[in-house]
Amino acid sequence: MSDFRSKFEQRLAALLDNQGVPYLYECRHLDYVCKRTYTPDFELPNGVILEAKGFFKPADRTKMLAVKKAHPSLDIRFVFQANNKLSKSSKTTYGAWADKHGFPWCIGPSIPESWLK
């Protein structure tokens, strides 16, 4: 018998077993997509998108990876308030995360001149 996630699932499995109905329990993973929208913080005339981040929440990181995957031609760049660690227990900084995922970044409020032209 498998380890079920809840007593309800365990009871349902017992019912299927008693009825002689074969089943597989949590045997595969299915991808799914949730339709969402992204509103850039700043969009420059040259097409550069500036995303301003003070606290870079895990949900924001997930969102930005999904936006990049859905729109790979967008030029999204981060302006971080500080190059903090992703969490207290993480060794990865905001900048290291951005580098790993191919996002240019800087520490604001200064922005590289090359980004503005």
N, C-alpha and C. Protein backbone atom coordinates (compact mmCIF):
# COMPACT_ATOMS: atom_id res chain seq x y z
N MET A 1 0.85 -1.18 0.00
CA MET A 1 0.00 0.00 0.00
C MET A 1 0.89 1.24 0.00
N SER A 2 0.55 2.22 -0.83
CA SER A 2 1.31 3.46 -0.94
C SER A 2 1.08 4.35 0.27
N ASP A 3 2.00 5.28 0.43
CA ASP A 3 1.80 6.31 1.44
C ASP A 3 0.93 7.40 0.82
N PHE A 4 -0.23 7.57 1.36
CA PHE A 4 -1.17 8.56 0.82
C PHE A 4 -0.98 9.88 1.53
N ARG A 5 -1.39 10.95 0.87
CA ARG A 5 -1.22 12.29 1.42
C ARG A 5 -2.28 12.64 2.46
N SER A 6 -3.35 11.91 2.47
CA SER A 6 -4.41 12.22 3.43
C SER A 6 -5.16 10.94 3.79
N LYS A 7 -5.88 10.99 4.87
CA LYS A 7 -6.72 9.86 5.26
C LYS A 7 -7.85 9.66 4.26
N PHE A 8 -8.31 10.76 3.66
CA PHE A 8 -9.37 10.65 2.66
C PHE A 8 -8.88 9.85 1.45
N GLU A 9 -7.67 10.16 0.97
CA GLU A 9 -7.11 9.39 -0.14
C GLU A 9 -6.93 7.93 0.25
N GLN A 10 -6.52 7.69 1.47
CA GLN A 10 -6.34 6.31 1.95
C GLN A 10 -7.68 5.57 1.94
N ARG A 11 -8.75 6.24 2.37
CA ARG A 11 -10.08 5.61 2.36
C ARG A 11 -10.55 5.35 0.94
N LEU A 12 -10.28 6.28 0.03
CA LEU A 12 -10.67 6.10 -1.37
C LEU A 12 -9.92 4.92 -1.98
N ALA A 13 -8.63 4.79 -1.66
CA ALA A 13 -7.85 3.65 -2.15
C ALA A 13 -8.41 2.34 -1.61
N ALA A 14 -8.79 2.34 -0.35
CA ALA A 14 -9.37 1.13 0.24
C ALA A 14 -10.66 0.76 -0.47
N LEU A 15 -11.48 1.75 -0.79
CA LEU A 15 -12.72 1.51 -1.52
C LEU A 15 -12.43 0.88 -2.88
N LEU A 16 -11.46 1.45 -3.60
CA LEU A 16 -11.10 0.90 -4.91
C LEU A 16 -10.56 -0.53 -4.77
N ASP A 17 -9.72 -0.74 -3.75
CA ASP A 17 -9.20 -2.09 -3.50
C ASP A 17 -10.32 -3.07 -3.24
N ASN A 18 -11.27 -2.69 -2.38
CA ASN A 18 -12.40 -3.57 -2.04
C ASN A 18 -13.27 -3.88 -3.24
N GLN A 19 -13.33 -2.94 -4.18
CA GLN A 19 -14.13 -3.14 -5.39
C GLN A 19 -13.35 -3.88 -6.48
N GLY A 20 -12.06 -4.12 -6.23
CA GLY A 20 -11.24 -4.81 -7.22
C GLY A 20 -10.88 -3.93 -8.41
N VAL A 21 -10.91 -2.62 -8.21
CA VAL A 21 -10.61 -1.68 -9.30
C VAL A 21 -9.11 -1.35 -9.27
N PRO A 22 -8.41 -1.68 -10.34
CA PRO A 22 -6.97 -1.36 -10.36
C PRO A 22 -6.77 0.16 -10.53
N TYR A 23 -5.70 0.68 -9.96
CA TYR A 23 -5.41 2.11 -10.09
C TYR A 23 -3.92 2.33 -9.88
N LEU A 24 -3.47 3.46 -10.33
CA LEU A 24 -2.11 3.94 -10.06
C LEU A 24 -2.27 5.18 -9.19
N TYR A 25 -1.43 5.31 -8.20
CA TYR A 25 -1.51 6.46 -7.31
C TYR A 25 -0.32 7.39 -7.55
N GLU A 26 -0.63 8.63 -7.89
CA GLU A 26 0.38 9.66 -8.13
C GLU A 26 1.54 9.13 -8.97
N CYS A 27 1.19 8.59 -10.13
CA CYS A 27 2.18 7.92 -10.97
C CYS A 27 2.83 8.84 -12.00
N ARG A 28 2.29 10.04 -12.20
CA ARG A 28 2.90 10.92 -13.19
C ARG A 28 2.65 12.37 -12.82
N HIS A 29 3.42 13.24 -13.47
CA HIS A 29 3.30 14.69 -13.28
C HIS A 29 2.84 15.31 -14.59
N LEU A 30 1.89 16.20 -14.53
CA LEU A 30 1.37 16.87 -15.72
C LEU A 30 1.64 18.36 -15.62
N ASP A 31 2.27 18.91 -16.65
CA ASP A 31 2.48 20.35 -16.69
C ASP A 31 1.17 21.05 -16.99
N TYR A 32 1.05 22.26 -16.49
CA TYR A 32 -0.09 23.10 -16.84
C TYR A 32 0.35 24.55 -16.83
N VAL A 33 -0.40 25.38 -17.52
CA VAL A 33 -0.08 26.79 -17.65
C VAL A 33 -1.25 27.61 -17.14
N CYS A 34 -0.94 28.60 -16.34
CA CYS A 34 -1.95 29.54 -15.88
C CYS A 34 -1.77 30.84 -16.65
N LYS A 35 -2.82 31.33 -17.26
CA LYS A 35 -2.73 32.59 -18.01
C LYS A 35 -2.67 33.74 -17.03
N ARG A 36 -1.64 34.54 -17.16
CA ARG A 36 -1.42 35.71 -16.32
C ARG A 36 -0.97 36.86 -17.20
N THR A 37 -0.93 38.03 -16.65
CA THR A 37 -0.39 39.18 -17.38
C THR A 37 0.74 39.80 -16.57
N TYR A 38 1.63 40.45 -17.27
CA TYR A 38 2.77 41.12 -16.66
C TYR A 38 2.73 42.57 -17.10
N THR A 39 2.85 43.47 -16.16
CA THR A 39 2.90 44.90 -16.44
C THR A 39 4.30 45.40 -16.09
N PRO A 40 5.10 45.75 -17.11
CA PRO A 40 6.46 46.24 -16.83
C PRO A 40 6.42 47.54 -16.02
N ASP A 41 7.43 47.70 -15.14
CA ASP A 41 7.52 48.94 -14.37
C ASP A 41 7.81 50.12 -15.29
N PHE A 42 8.87 50.03 -16.09
CA PHE A 42 9.27 51.11 -16.99
C PHE A 42 9.63 50.51 -18.34
N GLU A 43 9.14 51.12 -19.42
CA GLU A 43 9.52 50.70 -20.76
C GLU A 43 10.11 51.90 -21.47
N LEU A 44 11.35 51.78 -21.91
CA LEU A 44 12.06 52.88 -22.54
C LEU A 44 11.83 52.88 -24.05
N PRO A 45 12.01 54.03 -24.70
CA PRO A 45 11.80 54.10 -26.16
C PRO A 45 12.67 53.12 -26.94
N ASN A 46 13.83 52.73 -26.39
CA ASN A 46 14.72 51.80 -27.10
C ASN A 46 14.29 50.34 -26.92
N GLY A 47 13.17 50.11 -26.23
CA GLY A 47 12.66 48.75 -26.04
C GLY A 47 13.11 48.09 -24.75
N VAL A 48 14.01 48.72 -24.02
CA VAL A 48 14.47 48.16 -22.75
C VAL A 48 13.36 48.28 -21.72
N ILE A 49 13.13 47.18 -21.01
CA ILE A 49 12.16 47.16 -19.91
C ILE A 49 12.95 47.15 -18.61
N LEU A 50 12.65 48.10 -17.73
CA LEU A 50 13.30 48.17 -16.43
C LEU A 50 12.33 47.68 -15.37
N GLU A 51 12.75 46.69 -14.65
CA GLU A 51 11.94 46.13 -13.56
C GLU A 51 12.62 46.52 -12.25
N ALA A 52 11.97 47.37 -11.47
CA ALA A 52 12.52 47.85 -10.20
C ALA A 52 12.15 46.88 -9.08
N LYS A 53 13.17 46.44 -8.33
CA LYS A 53 12.93 45.49 -7.26
C LYS A 53 13.65 45.91 -5.99
N GLY A 54 12.87 46.08 -4.94
CA GLY A 54 13.42 46.24 -3.60
C GLY A 54 13.58 44.86 -3.02
N PHE A 55 12.47 44.27 -2.60
CA PHE A 55 12.45 42.89 -2.13
C PHE A 55 12.06 42.02 -3.32
N PHE A 56 12.90 41.04 -3.65
CA PHE A 56 12.71 40.18 -4.82
C PHE A 56 12.12 38.85 -4.36
N LYS A 57 10.80 38.81 -4.24
CA LYS A 57 10.08 37.66 -3.70
C LYS A 57 10.20 36.44 -4.62
N PRO A 58 10.11 35.25 -4.03
CA PRO A 58 10.14 34.03 -4.85
C PRO A 58 9.07 34.04 -5.95
N ALA A 59 7.89 34.53 -5.64
CA ALA A 59 6.83 34.58 -6.66
C ALA A 59 7.21 35.50 -7.81
N ASP A 60 7.92 36.60 -7.51
CA ASP A 60 8.37 37.51 -8.56
C ASP A 60 9.43 36.85 -9.44
N ARG A 61 10.31 36.08 -8.83
CA ARG A 61 11.34 35.38 -9.61
C ARG A 61 10.70 34.36 -10.55
N THR A 62 9.73 33.63 -10.04
CA THR A 62 9.01 32.65 -10.86
C THR A 62 8.29 33.35 -12.01
N LYS A 63 7.64 34.46 -11.69
CA LYS A 63 6.91 35.23 -12.72
C LYS A 63 7.86 35.71 -13.81
N MET A 64 9.01 36.26 -13.42
CA MET A 64 9.92 36.81 -14.42
C MET A 64 10.50 35.72 -15.31
N LEU A 65 10.74 34.54 -14.77
CA LEU A 65 11.20 33.43 -15.62
C LEU A 65 10.11 33.03 -16.59
N ALA A 66 8.86 33.02 -16.16
CA ALA A 66 7.75 32.67 -17.04
C ALA A 66 7.57 33.73 -18.13
N VAL A 67 7.71 35.01 -17.77
CA VAL A 67 7.60 36.08 -18.76
C VAL A 67 8.71 35.94 -19.80
N LYS A 68 9.93 35.69 -19.34
CA LYS A 68 11.05 35.53 -20.27
C LYS A 68 10.84 34.34 -21.19
N LYS A 69 10.30 33.25 -20.66
CA LYS A 69 10.04 32.07 -21.49
C LYS A 69 8.96 32.35 -22.52
N ALA A 70 7.93 33.08 -22.12
CA ALA A 70 6.82 33.39 -23.04
C ALA A 70 7.18 34.47 -24.05
N HIS A 71 8.11 35.34 -23.68
CA HIS A 71 8.50 36.47 -24.55
C HIS A 71 10.02 36.60 -24.59
N PRO A 72 10.71 35.64 -25.20
CA PRO A 72 12.18 35.64 -25.16
C PRO A 72 12.83 36.84 -25.85
N SER A 73 12.11 37.54 -26.71
CA SER A 73 12.71 38.68 -27.40
C SER A 73 12.67 39.97 -26.58
N LEU A 74 11.94 39.98 -25.46
CA LEU A 74 11.90 41.18 -24.62
C LEU A 74 13.25 41.39 -23.95
N ASP A 75 13.64 42.65 -23.84
CA ASP A 75 14.89 43.02 -23.18
C ASP A 75 14.55 43.52 -21.77
N ILE A 76 14.46 42.58 -20.83
CA ILE A 76 14.08 42.91 -19.46
C ILE A 76 15.34 43.02 -18.61
N ARG A 77 15.46 44.13 -17.90
CA ARG A 77 16.62 44.38 -17.05
C ARG A 77 16.14 44.78 -15.67
N PHE A 78 16.87 44.33 -14.66
CA PHE A 78 16.49 44.63 -13.28
C PHE A 78 17.29 45.80 -12.73
N VAL A 79 16.60 46.63 -11.98
CA VAL A 79 17.24 47.66 -11.19
C VAL A 79 16.92 47.30 -9.75
N PHE A 80 17.91 46.75 -9.06
CA PHE A 80 17.72 46.32 -7.67
C PHE A 80 18.05 47.47 -6.72
N GLN A 81 17.31 47.57 -5.65
CA GLN A 81 17.60 48.56 -4.62
C GLN A 81 18.93 48.22 -3.93
N ALA A 82 19.18 46.92 -3.76
CA ALA A 82 20.43 46.42 -3.17
C ALA A 82 20.64 45.00 -3.69
N ASN A 83 21.88 44.55 -3.64
CA ASN A 83 22.18 43.19 -4.10
C ASN A 83 22.11 42.23 -2.92
N ASN A 84 20.91 42.10 -2.36
CA ASN A 84 20.68 41.26 -1.20
C ASN A 84 20.72 39.78 -1.56
N LYS A 85 20.75 38.94 -0.54
CA LYS A 85 20.61 37.50 -0.75
C LYS A 85 19.14 37.18 -0.97
N LEU A 86 18.87 36.10 -1.71
CA LEU A 86 17.48 35.71 -2.01
C LEU A 86 16.70 35.43 -0.73
N SER A 87 17.37 34.89 0.28
CA SER A 87 16.75 34.65 1.59
C SER A 87 17.87 34.63 2.63
N LYS A 88 17.49 34.61 3.88
CA LYS A 88 18.49 34.60 4.96
C LYS A 88 19.43 33.40 4.86
N SER A 89 18.88 32.26 4.42
CA SER A 89 19.68 31.04 4.35
C SER A 89 20.37 30.83 3.00
N SER A 90 20.11 31.70 2.03
CA SER A 90 20.68 31.54 0.69
C SER A 90 22.04 32.20 0.58
N LYS A 91 22.90 31.63 -0.25
CA LYS A 91 24.18 32.25 -0.58
C LYS A 91 24.06 33.05 -1.88
N THR A 92 22.94 32.87 -2.59
CA THR A 92 22.73 33.52 -3.89
C THR A 92 22.18 34.92 -3.71
N THR A 93 22.81 35.87 -4.38
CA THR A 93 22.32 37.25 -4.34
C THR A 93 21.34 37.49 -5.49
N TYR A 94 20.64 38.62 -5.42
CA TYR A 94 19.74 38.99 -6.51
C TYR A 94 20.51 39.04 -7.83
N GLY A 95 21.67 39.68 -7.80
CA GLY A 95 22.48 39.80 -9.02
C GLY A 95 22.92 38.45 -9.56
N ALA A 96 23.33 37.55 -8.68
CA ALA A 96 23.75 36.22 -9.13
C ALA A 96 22.57 35.47 -9.76
N TRP A 97 21.38 35.63 -9.18
CA TRP A 97 20.19 35.02 -9.76
C TRP A 97 19.95 35.58 -11.16
N ALA A 98 20.03 36.91 -11.29
CA ALA A 98 19.81 37.56 -12.59
C ALA A 98 20.84 37.08 -13.61
N ASP A 99 22.11 37.02 -13.20
CA ASP A 99 23.16 36.53 -14.10
C ASP A 99 22.86 35.10 -14.56
N LYS A 100 22.49 34.26 -13.63
CA LYS A 100 22.21 32.85 -13.94
C LYS A 100 21.11 32.71 -14.99
N HIS A 101 20.13 33.62 -14.93
CA HIS A 101 18.98 33.51 -15.83
C HIS A 101 19.02 34.49 -17.01
N GLY A 102 20.17 35.14 -17.20
CA GLY A 102 20.36 35.97 -18.38
C GLY A 102 19.67 37.32 -18.35
N PHE A 103 19.47 37.88 -17.17
CA PHE A 103 18.88 39.21 -17.04
C PHE A 103 19.98 40.21 -16.69
N PRO A 104 20.18 41.26 -17.50
CA PRO A 104 21.08 42.32 -17.07
C PRO A 104 20.52 42.99 -15.81
N TRP A 105 21.42 43.52 -14.96
CA TRP A 105 20.96 44.15 -13.73
C TRP A 105 21.95 45.21 -13.27
N CYS A 106 21.45 46.08 -12.43
CA CYS A 106 22.29 47.09 -11.80
C CYS A 106 21.69 47.41 -10.44
N ILE A 107 22.44 48.19 -9.67
CA ILE A 107 21.93 48.67 -8.39
C ILE A 107 21.50 50.12 -8.60
N GLY A 108 20.24 50.40 -8.29
CA GLY A 108 19.69 51.74 -8.47
C GLY A 108 19.94 52.61 -7.27
N PRO A 109 19.65 53.87 -7.41
CA PRO A 109 18.90 54.44 -8.52
C PRO A 109 19.72 54.71 -9.77
N SER A 110 21.03 54.49 -9.74
CA SER A 110 21.84 54.70 -10.94
C SER A 110 21.53 53.63 -11.98
N ILE A 111 21.49 54.06 -13.24
CA ILE A 111 21.24 53.15 -14.36
C ILE A 111 22.36 53.38 -15.37
N PRO A 112 22.98 52.33 -15.90
CA PRO A 112 24.03 52.52 -16.90
C PRO A 112 23.53 53.35 -18.08
N GLU A 113 24.35 54.30 -18.51
CA GLU A 113 23.99 55.15 -19.64
C GLU A 113 23.63 54.34 -20.89
N SER A 114 24.37 53.24 -21.10
CA SER A 114 24.12 52.42 -22.30
C SER A 114 22.71 51.85 -22.31
N TRP A 115 22.10 51.68 -21.15
CA TRP A 115 20.73 51.15 -21.09
C TRP A 115 19.72 52.20 -21.57
N LEU A 116 20.08 53.46 -21.47
CA LEU A 116 19.12 54.54 -21.71
C LEU A 116 19.11 55.01 -23.16
N LYS A 117 20.07 54.56 -23.97
CA LYS A 117 20.18 55.05 -25.36
C LYS A 117 19.69 54.02 -26.35
